[in-house]
Amino acid sequence: MLYVFRSKADADLIMLEPVGNQLLRILGREPAPRGIIEAAALPAAIQAIEAAVAAERGQDNAAEEDLKEKRVGLAQRAWPMLEMMKRALAEKADIVWGA
């Protein structure tokens, strides 16, 4: 399944199901084929994702260097969504998604 996030403030954002599910759970939502993040909820949503990214970075920094894997982390995966959220917040626009 793919998630397609849409906002009047930005181009469509397409995410694979595992990443979309992870971000929705960070936002305190159960993954669902359709949904909405209202403009009024965007500041808290942005803060939740930024906090999760910071927590993951803290875990990565605590890991021993020789055991650290090269991988795409939450920061890279969440960046497009954070940018969409910031643009939507600036324009007071909702973000909706559908499969």
PDB file of N, CA and C in Angstrom:
ATOM      1  N   MET A   1       0.840  -1.177   0.000  1.00  0.00           N
ATOM      2  CA  MET A   1       0.000   0.000   0.000  1.00  0.00           C
ATOM      3  C   MET A   1       0.887   1.243   0.000  1.00  0.00           C
ATOM      4  N   LEU A   2       0.401   2.258  -0.618  1.00  0.00           N
ATOM      5  CA  LEU A   2       1.057   3.565  -0.615  1.00  0.00           C
ATOM      6  C   LEU A   2       0.158   4.570   0.083  1.00  0.00           C
ATOM      7  N   TYR A   3       0.771   5.501   0.780  1.00  0.00           N
ATOM      8  CA  TYR A   3       0.045   6.646   1.303  1.00  0.00           C
ATOM      9  C   TYR A   3       0.301   7.811   0.363  1.00  0.00           C
ATOM     10  N   VAL A   4      -0.737   8.572   0.083  1.00  0.00           N
ATOM     11  CA  VAL A   4      -0.595   9.804  -0.680  1.00  0.00           C
ATOM     12  C   VAL A   4      -1.114  10.920   0.220  1.00  0.00           C
ATOM     13  N   PHE A   5      -0.197  11.739   0.720  1.00  0.00           N
ATOM     14  CA  PHE A   5      -0.554  12.877   1.570  1.00  0.00           C
ATOM     15  C   PHE A   5      -0.734  14.082   0.660  1.00  0.00           C
ATOM     16  N   ARG A   6      -1.817  14.830   0.890  1.00  0.00           N
ATOM     17  CA  ARG A   6      -2.131  15.977   0.044  1.00  0.00           C
ATOM     18  C   ARG A   6      -2.421  17.206   0.905  1.00  0.00           C
ATOM     19  N   SER A   7      -2.009  18.340   0.387  1.00  0.00           N
ATOM     20  CA  SER A   7      -2.300  19.618   1.029  1.00  0.00           C
ATOM     21  C   SER A   7      -2.345  20.678  -0.063  1.00  0.00           C
ATOM     22  N   LYS A   8      -3.200  21.659   0.131  1.00  0.00           N
ATOM     23  CA  LYS A   8      -3.255  22.775  -0.816  1.00  0.00           C
ATOM     24  C   LYS A   8      -1.951  23.565  -0.806  1.00  0.00           C
ATOM     25  N   ALA A   9      -1.163  23.395   0.244  1.00  0.00           N
ATOM     26  CA  ALA A   9       0.064  24.173   0.415  1.00  0.00           C
ATOM     27  C   ALA A   9       1.284  23.547  -0.240  1.00  0.00           C
ATOM     28  N   ASP A  10       1.164  22.317  -0.760  1.00  0.00           N
ATOM     29  CA  ASP A  10       2.350  21.619  -1.250  1.00  0.00           C
ATOM     30  C   ASP A  10       1.938  20.568  -2.277  1.00  0.00           C
ATOM     31  N   ALA A  11       2.928  20.025  -2.950  1.00  0.00           N
ATOM     32  CA  ALA A  11       2.693  18.927  -3.884  1.00  0.00           C
ATOM     33  C   ALA A  11       2.365  17.657  -3.105  1.00  0.00           C
ATOM     34  N   ASP A  12       1.781  16.688  -3.781  1.00  0.00           N
ATOM     35  CA  ASP A  12       1.475  15.414  -3.142  1.00  0.00           C
ATOM     36  C   ASP A  12       2.758  14.753  -2.640  1.00  0.00           C
ATOM     37  N   LEU A  13       2.634  14.062  -1.532  1.00  0.00           N
ATOM     38  CA  LEU A  13       3.747  13.333  -0.941  1.00  0.00           C
ATOM     39  C   LEU A  13       3.350  11.856  -0.888  1.00  0.00           C
ATOM     40  N   ILE A  14       4.131  11.017  -1.545  1.00  0.00           N
ATOM     41  CA  ILE A  14       3.842   9.588  -1.602  1.00  0.00           C
ATOM     42  C   ILE A  14       4.828   8.861  -0.696  1.00  0.00           C
ATOM     43  N   MET A  15       4.296   7.986   0.168  1.00  0.00           N
ATOM     44  CA  MET A  15       5.129   7.207   1.083  1.00  0.00           C
ATOM     45  C   MET A  15       4.711   5.757   1.047  1.00  0.00           C
ATOM     46  N   LEU A  16       5.687   4.884   1.210  1.00  0.00           N
ATOM     47  CA  LEU A  16       5.391   3.471   1.362  1.00  0.00           C
ATOM     48  C   LEU A  16       4.721   3.235   2.713  1.00  0.00           C
ATOM     49  N   GLU A  17       3.974   2.178   2.790  1.00  0.00           N
ATOM     50  CA  GLU A  17       3.182   1.882   3.984  1.00  0.00           C
ATOM     51  C   GLU A  17       3.987   1.854   5.281  1.00  0.00           C
ATOM     52  N   PRO A  18       5.154   1.179   5.348  1.00  0.00           N
ATOM     53  CA  PRO A  18       5.864   1.136   6.637  1.00  0.00           C
ATOM     54  C   PRO A  18       6.252   2.517   7.160  1.00  0.00           C
ATOM     55  N   VAL A  19       6.716   3.380   6.298  1.00  0.00           N
ATOM     56  CA  VAL A  19       7.115   4.725   6.729  1.00  0.00           C
ATOM     57  C   VAL A  19       5.885   5.546   7.101  1.00  0.00           C
ATOM     58  N   GLY A  20       4.849   5.478   6.270  1.00  0.00           N
ATOM     59  CA  GLY A  20       3.606   6.192   6.578  1.00  0.00           C
ATOM     60  C   GLY A  20       3.014   5.745   7.900  1.00  0.00           C
ATOM     61  N   ASN A  21       3.013   4.429   8.126  1.00  0.00           N
ATOM     62  CA  ASN A  21       2.497   3.901   9.397  1.00  0.00           C
ATOM     63  C   ASN A  21       3.312   4.423  10.575  1.00  0.00           C
ATOM     64  N   GLN A  22       4.635   4.414  10.425  1.00  0.00           N
ATOM     65  CA  GLN A  22       5.507   4.889  11.503  1.00  0.00           C
ATOM     66  C   GLN A  22       5.206   6.350  11.828  1.00  0.00           C
ATOM     67  N   LEU A  23       5.092   7.186  10.808  1.00  0.00           N
ATOM     68  CA  LEU A  23       4.830   8.603  11.053  1.00  0.00           C
ATOM     69  C   LEU A  23       3.457   8.815  11.669  1.00  0.00           C
ATOM     70  N   LEU A  24       2.459   8.090  11.208  1.00  0.00           N
ATOM     71  CA  LEU A  24       1.123   8.240  11.797  1.00  0.00           C
ATOM     72  C   LEU A  24       1.123   7.828  13.265  1.00  0.00           C
ATOM     73  N   ARG A  25       1.851   6.769  13.594  1.00  0.00           N
ATOM     74  CA  ARG A  25       1.925   6.344  15.000  1.00  0.00           C
ATOM     75  C   ARG A  25       2.646   7.382  15.857  1.00  0.00           C
ATOM     76  N   ILE A  26       3.678   8.009  15.292  1.00  0.00           N
ATOM     77  CA  ILE A  26       4.361   9.086  16.022  1.00  0.00           C
ATOM     78  C   ILE A  26       3.390  10.215  16.324  1.00  0.00           C
ATOM     79  N   LEU A  27       2.451  10.436  15.413  1.00  0.00           N
ATOM     80  CA  LEU A  27       1.450  11.492  15.596  1.00  0.00           C
ATOM     81  C   LEU A  27       0.309  11.055  16.515  1.00  0.00           C
ATOM     82  N   GLY A  28       0.398   9.816  17.026  1.00  0.00           N
ATOM     83  CA  GLY A  28      -0.637   9.327  17.929  1.00  0.00           C
ATOM     84  C   GLY A  28      -1.874   8.837  17.213  1.00  0.00           C
ATOM     85  N   ARG A  29      -1.723   8.472  15.954  1.00  0.00           N
ATOM     86  CA  ARG A  29      -2.862   8.002  15.163  1.00  0.00           C
ATOM     87  C   ARG A  29      -2.630   6.564  14.738  1.00  0.00           C
ATOM     88  N   GLU A  30      -3.706   5.821  14.670  1.00  0.00           N
ATOM     89  CA  GLU A  30      -3.619   4.470  14.126  1.00  0.00           C
ATOM     90  C   GLU A  30      -3.570   4.589  12.613  1.00  0.00           C
ATOM     91  N   PRO A  31      -2.685   3.842  11.970  1.00  0.00           N
ATOM     92  CA  PRO A  31      -2.648   3.866  10.510  1.00  0.00           C
ATOM     93  C   PRO A  31      -4.016   3.515   9.937  1.00  0.00           C
ATOM     94  N   ALA A  32      -4.413   4.270   8.940  1.00  0.00           N
ATOM     95  CA  ALA A  32      -5.709   4.075   8.298  1.00  0.00           C
ATOM     96  C   ALA A  32      -5.590   4.493   6.836  1.00  0.00           C
ATOM     97  N   PRO A  33      -6.433   3.929   5.977  1.00  0.00           N
ATOM     98  CA  PRO A  33      -6.345   4.263   4.558  1.00  0.00           C
ATOM     99  C   PRO A  33      -6.667   5.731   4.254  1.00  0.00           C
ATOM    100  N   ARG A  34      -7.420   6.372   5.127  1.00  0.00           N
ATOM    101  CA  ARG A  34      -7.778   7.782   4.924  1.00  0.00           C
ATOM    102  C   ARG A  34      -7.713   8.528   6.246  1.00  0.00           C
ATOM    103  N   GLY A  35      -7.423   9.804   6.153  1.00  0.00           N
ATOM    104  CA  GLY A  35      -7.406  10.602   7.368  1.00  0.00           C
ATOM    105  C   GLY A  35      -7.082  12.053   7.082  1.00  0.00           C
ATOM    106  N   ILE A  36      -7.033  12.825   8.150  1.00  0.00           N
ATOM    107  CA  ILE A  36      -6.767  14.259   8.031  1.00  0.00           C
ATOM    108  C   ILE A  36      -5.959  14.728   9.245  1.00  0.00           C
ATOM    109  N   ILE A  37      -5.053  15.629   8.974  1.00  0.00           N
ATOM    110  CA  ILE A  37      -4.375  16.381  10.030  1.00  0.00           C
ATOM    111  C   ILE A  37      -4.819  17.815   9.817  1.00  0.00           C
ATOM    112  N   GLU A  38      -5.635  18.299  10.710  1.00  0.00           N
ATOM    113  CA  GLU A  38      -6.163  19.655  10.560  1.00  0.00           C
ATOM    114  C   GLU A  38      -5.072  20.680  10.840  1.00  0.00           C
ATOM    115  N   ALA A  39      -5.197  21.813  10.203  1.00  0.00           N
ATOM    116  CA  ALA A  39      -4.196  22.876  10.329  1.00  0.00           C
ATOM    117  C   ALA A  39      -3.916  23.220  11.790  1.00  0.00           C
ATOM    118  N   ALA A  40      -4.946  23.232  12.612  1.00  0.00           N
ATOM    119  CA  ALA A  40      -4.777  23.575  14.033  1.00  0.00           C
ATOM    120  C   ALA A  40      -3.922  22.550  14.771  1.00  0.00           C
ATOM    121  N   ALA A  41      -3.866  21.313  14.275  1.00  0.00           N
ATOM    122  CA  ALA A  41      -3.092  20.254  14.928  1.00  0.00           C
ATOM    123  C   ALA A  41      -1.658  20.182  14.423  1.00  0.00           C
ATOM    124  N   LEU A  42      -1.314  20.965  13.417  1.00  0.00           N
ATOM    125  CA  LEU A  42       0.016  20.881  12.822  1.00  0.00           C
ATOM    126  C   LEU A  42       1.158  21.246  13.766  1.00  0.00           C
ATOM    127  N   PRO A  43       1.055  22.287  14.598  1.00  0.00           N
ATOM    128  CA  PRO A  43       2.179  22.578  15.505  1.00  0.00           C
ATOM    129  C   PRO A  43       2.534  21.385  16.402  1.00  0.00           C
ATOM    130  N   ALA A  44       1.536  20.724  16.957  1.00  0.00           N
ATOM    131  CA  ALA A  44       1.794  19.558  17.809  1.00  0.00           C
ATOM    132  C   ALA A  44       2.340  18.397  16.992  1.00  0.00           C
ATOM    133  N   ALA A  45       1.866  18.234  15.762  1.00  0.00           N
ATOM    134  CA  ALA A  45       2.341  17.156  14.895  1.00  0.00           C
ATOM    135  C   ALA A  45       3.808  17.368  14.533  1.00  0.00           C
ATOM    136  N   ILE A  46       4.155  18.576  14.195  1.00  0.00           N
ATOM    137  CA  ILE A  46       5.549  18.902  13.867  1.00  0.00           C
ATOM    138  C   ILE A  46       6.444  18.630  15.074  1.00  0.00           C
ATOM    139  N   GLN A  47       5.992  19.063  16.229  1.00  0.00           N
ATOM    140  CA  GLN A  47       6.766  18.863  17.454  1.00  0.00           C
ATOM    141  C   GLN A  47       6.945  17.372  17.748  1.00  0.00           C
ATOM    142  N   ALA A  48       5.917  16.568  17.537  1.00  0.00           N
ATOM    143  CA  ALA A  48       5.996  15.134  17.806  1.00  0.00           C
ATOM    144  C   ALA A  48       7.023  14.457  16.901  1.00  0.00           C
ATOM    145  N   ILE A  49       7.012  14.805  15.626  1.00  0.00           N
ATOM    146  CA  ILE A  49       7.973  14.198  14.702  1.00  0.00           C
ATOM    147  C   ILE A  49       9.386  14.665  15.018  1.00  0.00           C
ATOM    148  N   GLU A  50       9.553  15.953  15.288  1.00  0.00           N
ATOM    149  CA  GLU A  50      10.890  16.455  15.622  1.00  0.00           C
ATOM    150  C   GLU A  50      11.421  15.796  16.894  1.00  0.00           C
ATOM    151  N   ALA A  51      10.561  15.558  17.868  1.00  0.00           N
ATOM    152  CA  ALA A  51      10.983  14.895  19.106  1.00  0.00           C
ATOM    153  C   ALA A  51      11.391  13.445  18.829  1.00  0.00           C
ATOM    154  N   ALA A  52      10.655  12.756  17.968  1.00  0.00           N
ATOM    155  CA  ALA A  52      10.999  11.373  17.623  1.00  0.00           C
ATOM    156  C   ALA A  52      12.328  11.316  16.876  1.00  0.00           C
ATOM    157  N   VAL A  53      12.557  12.276  15.999  1.00  0.00           N
ATOM    158  CA  VAL A  53      13.834  12.337  15.271  1.00  0.00           C
ATOM    159  C   VAL A  53      14.980  12.580  16.255  1.00  0.00           C
ATOM    160  N   ALA A  54      14.787  13.512  17.179  1.00  0.00           N
ATOM    161  CA  ALA A  54      15.825  13.812  18.168  1.00  0.00           C
ATOM    162  C   ALA A  54      16.093  12.592  19.049  1.00  0.00           C
ATOM    163  N   ALA A  55      15.053  11.861  19.432  1.00  0.00           N
ATOM    164  CA  ALA A  55      15.233  10.664  20.258  1.00  0.00           C
ATOM    165  C   ALA A  55      16.022   9.604  19.502  1.00  0.00           C
ATOM    166  N   GLU A  56      15.712   9.423  18.218  1.00  0.00           N
ATOM    167  CA  GLU A  56      16.458   8.442  17.433  1.00  0.00           C
ATOM    168  C   GLU A  56      17.915   8.851  17.289  1.00  0.00           C
ATOM    169  N   ARG A  57      18.160  10.121  17.072  1.00  0.00           N
ATOM    170  CA  ARG A  57      19.543  10.602  16.972  1.00  0.00           C
ATOM    171  C   ARG A  57      20.288  10.362  18.280  1.00  0.00           C
ATOM    172  N   GLY A  58      19.623  10.549  19.398  1.00  0.00           N
ATOM    173  CA  GLY A  58      20.244  10.297  20.690  1.00  0.00           C
ATOM    174  C   GLY A  58      20.608   8.839  20.861  1.00  0.00           C
ATOM    175  N   GLN A  59      19.755   7.947  20.394  1.00  0.00           N
ATOM    176  CA  GLN A  59      20.047   6.514  20.457  1.00  0.00           C
ATOM    177  C   GLN A  59      21.219   6.173  19.557  1.00  0.00           C
ATOM    178  N   ASP A  60      21.229   6.768  18.347  1.00  0.00           N
ATOM    179  CA  ASP A  60      22.328   6.515  17.413  1.00  0.00           C
ATOM    180  C   ASP A  60      23.656   6.994  17.982  1.00  0.00           C
ATOM    181  N   ASN A  61      23.638   8.151  18.626  1.00  0.00           N
ATOM    182  CA  ASN A  61      24.884   8.694  19.196  1.00  0.00           C
ATOM    183  C   ASN A  61      25.382   7.853  20.355  1.00  0.00           C
ATOM    184  N   ALA A  62      24.471   7.177  21.038  1.00  0.00           N
ATOM    185  CA  ALA A  62      24.857   6.339  22.166  1.00  0.00           C
ATOM    186  C   ALA A  62      25.429   4.995  21.710  1.00  0.00           C
ATOM    187  N   ALA A  63      25.146   4.614  20.469  1.00  0.00           N
ATOM    188  CA  ALA A  63      25.649   3.326  19.952  1.00  0.00           C
ATOM    189  C   ALA A  63      27.152   3.420  19.721  1.00  0.00           C
ATOM    190  N   GLU A  64      27.800   2.284  19.833  1.00  0.00           N
ATOM    191  CA  GLU A  64      29.241   2.260  19.574  1.00  0.00           C
ATOM    192  C   GLU A  64      29.477   2.435  18.083  1.00  0.00           C
ATOM    193  N   GLU A  65      30.497   3.217  17.730  1.00  0.00           N
ATOM    194  CA  GLU A  65      30.792   3.536  16.335  1.00  0.00           C
ATOM    195  C   GLU A  65      31.003   2.308  15.470  1.00  0.00           C
ATOM    196  N   ASP A  66      31.713   1.302  15.954  1.00  0.00           N
ATOM    197  CA  ASP A  66      32.015   0.146  15.122  1.00  0.00           C
ATOM    198  C   ASP A  66      30.793  -0.745  14.887  1.00  0.00           C
ATOM    199  N   LEU A  67      29.741  -0.581  15.672  1.00  0.00           N
ATOM    200  CA  LEU A  67      28.528  -1.373  15.488  1.00  0.00           C
ATOM    201  C   LEU A  67      27.468  -0.621  14.694  1.00  0.00           C
ATOM    202  N   LYS A  68      27.708   0.626  14.463  1.00  0.00           N
ATOM    203  CA  LYS A  68      26.728   1.473  13.794  1.00  0.00           C
ATOM    204  C   LYS A  68      26.580   1.077  12.333  1.00  0.00           C
ATOM    205  N   GLU A  69      25.359   0.890  11.911  1.00  0.00           N
ATOM    206  CA  GLU A  69      25.083   0.569  10.511  1.00  0.00           C
ATOM    207  C   GLU A  69      24.811   1.850   9.741  1.00  0.00           C
ATOM    208  N   LYS A  70      25.125   1.798   8.466  1.00  0.00           N
ATOM    209  CA  LYS A  70      24.705   2.890   7.590  1.00  0.00           C
ATOM    210  C   LYS A  70      23.274   2.581   7.194  1.00  0.00           C
ATOM    211  N   ARG A  71      22.358   3.438   7.540  1.00  0.00           N
ATOM    212  CA  ARG A  71      20.955   3.219   7.206  1.00  0.00           C
ATOM    213  C   ARG A  71      20.249   4.554   7.046  1.00  0.00           C
ATOM    214  N   VAL A  72      19.127   4.480   6.413  1.00  0.00           N
ATOM    215  CA  VAL A  72      18.294   5.670   6.292  1.00  0.00           C
ATOM    216  C   VAL A  72      17.475   5.755   7.568  1.00  0.00           C
ATOM    217  N   GLY A  73      17.653   6.826   8.288  1.00  0.00           N
ATOM    218  CA  GLY A  73      16.978   6.972   9.571  1.00  0.00           C
ATOM    219  C   GLY A  73      15.684   7.754   9.460  1.00  0.00           C
ATOM    220  N   LEU A  74      15.067   7.910  10.595  1.00  0.00           N
ATOM    221  CA  LEU A  74      13.800   8.632  10.673  1.00  0.00           C
ATOM    222  C   LEU A  74      13.946  10.063  10.177  1.00  0.00           C
ATOM    223  N   ALA A  75      15.061  10.698  10.457  1.00  0.00           N
ATOM    224  CA  ALA A  75      15.242  12.094  10.034  1.00  0.00           C
ATOM    225  C   ALA A  75      15.092  12.235   8.529  1.00  0.00           C
ATOM    226  N   GLN A  76      15.698  11.321   7.779  1.00  0.00           N
ATOM    227  CA  GLN A  76      15.614  11.386   6.325  1.00  0.00           C
ATOM    228  C   GLN A  76      14.214  11.025   5.834  1.00  0.00           C
ATOM    229  N   ARG A  77      13.604  10.053   6.475  1.00  0.00           N
ATOM    230  CA  ARG A  77      12.273   9.606   6.042  1.00  0.00           C
ATOM    231  C   ARG A  77      11.191  10.612   6.404  1.00  0.00           C
ATOM    232  N   ALA A  78      11.351  11.294   7.515  1.00  0.00           N
ATOM    233  CA  ALA A  78      10.328  12.233   7.982  1.00  0.00           C
ATOM    234  C   ALA A  78      10.475  13.616   7.360  1.00  0.00           C
ATOM    235  N   TRP A  79      11.652  13.933   6.813  1.00  0.00           N
ATOM    236  CA  TRP A  79      11.913  15.273   6.306  1.00  0.00           C
ATOM    237  C   TRP A  79      10.856  15.761   5.305  1.00  0.00           C
ATOM    238  N   PRO A  80      10.457  14.957   4.298  1.00  0.00           N
ATOM    239  CA  PRO A  80       9.437  15.467   3.365  1.00  0.00           C
ATOM    240  C   PRO A  80       8.114  15.787   4.057  1.00  0.00           C
ATOM    241  N   MET A  81       7.725  14.963   5.037  1.00  0.00           N
ATOM    242  CA  MET A  81       6.485  15.220   5.768  1.00  0.00           C
ATOM    243  C   MET A  81       6.605  16.478   6.612  1.00  0.00           C
ATOM    244  N   LEU A  82       7.746  16.664   7.266  1.00  0.00           N
ATOM    245  CA  LEU A  82       7.936  17.885   8.058  1.00  0.00           C
ATOM    246  C   LEU A  82       7.852  19.126   7.179  1.00  0.00           C
ATOM    247  N   GLU A  83       8.461  19.066   6.004  1.00  0.00           N
ATOM    248  CA  GLU A  83       8.398  20.214   5.088  1.00  0.00           C
ATOM    249  C   GLU A  83       6.961  20.487   4.660  1.00  0.00           C
ATOM    250  N   MET A  84       6.215  19.429   4.349  1.00  0.00           N
ATOM    251  CA  MET A  84       4.810  19.601   3.974  1.00  0.00           C
ATOM    252  C   MET A  84       4.026  20.221   5.131  1.00  0.00           C
ATOM    253  N   MET A  85       4.270  19.725   6.330  1.00  0.00           N
ATOM    254  CA  MET A  85       3.558  20.252   7.497  1.00  0.00           C
ATOM    255  C   MET A  85       3.864  21.725   7.727  1.00  0.00           C
ATOM    256  N   LYS A  86       5.115  22.107   7.572  1.00  0.00           N
ATOM    257  CA  LYS A  86       5.493  23.512   7.773  1.00  0.00           C
ATOM    258  C   LYS A  86       4.849  24.413   6.736  1.00  0.00           C
ATOM    259  N   ARG A  87       4.814  23.954   5.494  1.00  0.00           N
ATOM    260  CA  ARG A  87       4.155  24.753   4.448  1.00  0.00           C
ATOM    261  C   ARG A  87       2.649  24.840   4.692  1.00  0.00           C
ATOM    262  N   ALA A  88       2.061  23.709   5.091  1.00  0.00           N
ATOM    263  CA  ALA A  88       0.624  23.699   5.373  1.00  0.00           C
ATOM    264  C   ALA A  88       0.296  24.603   6.556  1.00  0.00           C
ATOM    265  N   LEU A  89       1.138  24.590   7.568  1.00  0.00           N
ATOM    266  CA  LEU A  89       0.926  25.460   8.726  1.00  0.00           C
ATOM    267  C   LEU A  89       0.996  26.926   8.307  1.00  0.00           C
ATOM    268  N   ALA A  90       1.966  27.267   7.487  1.00  0.00           N
ATOM    269  CA  ALA A  90       2.113  28.653   7.034  1.00  0.00           C
ATOM    270  C   ALA A  90       0.884  29.131   6.267  1.00  0.00           C
ATOM    271  N   GLU A  91       0.252  28.211   5.553  1.00  0.00           N
ATOM    272  CA  GLU A  91      -0.937  28.581   4.770  1.00  0.00           C
ATOM    273  C   GLU A  91      -2.240  28.195   5.455  1.00  0.00           C
ATOM    274  N   LYS A  92      -2.131  27.694   6.679  1.00  0.00           N
ATOM    275  CA  LYS A  92      -3.307  27.264   7.448  1.00  0.00           C
ATOM    276  C   LYS A  92      -4.144  26.260   6.657  1.00  0.00           C
ATOM    277  N   ALA A  93      -3.455  25.277   6.072  1.00  0.00           N
ATOM    278  CA  ALA A  93      -4.093  24.266   5.250  1.00  0.00           C
ATOM    279  C   ALA A  93      -4.025  22.908   5.950  1.00  0.00           C
ATOM    280  N   ASP A  94      -5.056  22.112   5.767  1.00  0.00           N
ATOM    281  CA  ASP A  94      -5.077  20.744   6.292  1.00  0.00           C
ATOM    282  C   ASP A  94      -4.207  19.845   5.425  1.00  0.00           C
ATOM    283  N   ILE A  95      -3.853  18.692   5.983  1.00  0.00           N
ATOM    284  CA  ILE A  95      -3.203  17.620   5.227  1.00  0.00           C
ATOM    285  C   ILE A  95      -4.143  16.419   5.297  1.00  0.00           C
ATOM    286  N   VAL A  96      -4.459  15.868   4.148  1.00  0.00           N
ATOM    287  CA  VAL A  96      -5.295  14.682   4.081  1.00  0.00           C
ATOM    288  C   VAL A  96      -4.506  13.564   3.430  1.00  0.00           C
ATOM    289  N   TRP A  97      -4.929  12.335   3.666  1.00  0.00           N
ATOM    290  CA  TRP A  97      -4.279  11.218   2.980  1.00  0.00           C
ATOM    291  C   TRP A  97      -5.306  10.178   2.600  1.00  0.00           C
ATOM    292  N   GLY A  98      -4.919   9.467   1.597  1.00  0.00           N
ATOM    293  CA  GLY A  98      -5.710   8.339   1.118  1.00  0.00           C
ATOM    294  C   GLY A  98      -4.762   7.341   0.497  1.00  0.00           C
ATOM    295  N   ALA A  99      -5.221   6.127   0.377  1.00  0.00           N
ATOM    296  CA  ALA A  99      -4.371   5.079  -0.192  1.00  0.00           C
ATOM    297  C   ALA A  99      -4.460   5.084  -1.702  1.00  0.00           C
TER     298      ALA A  99
END
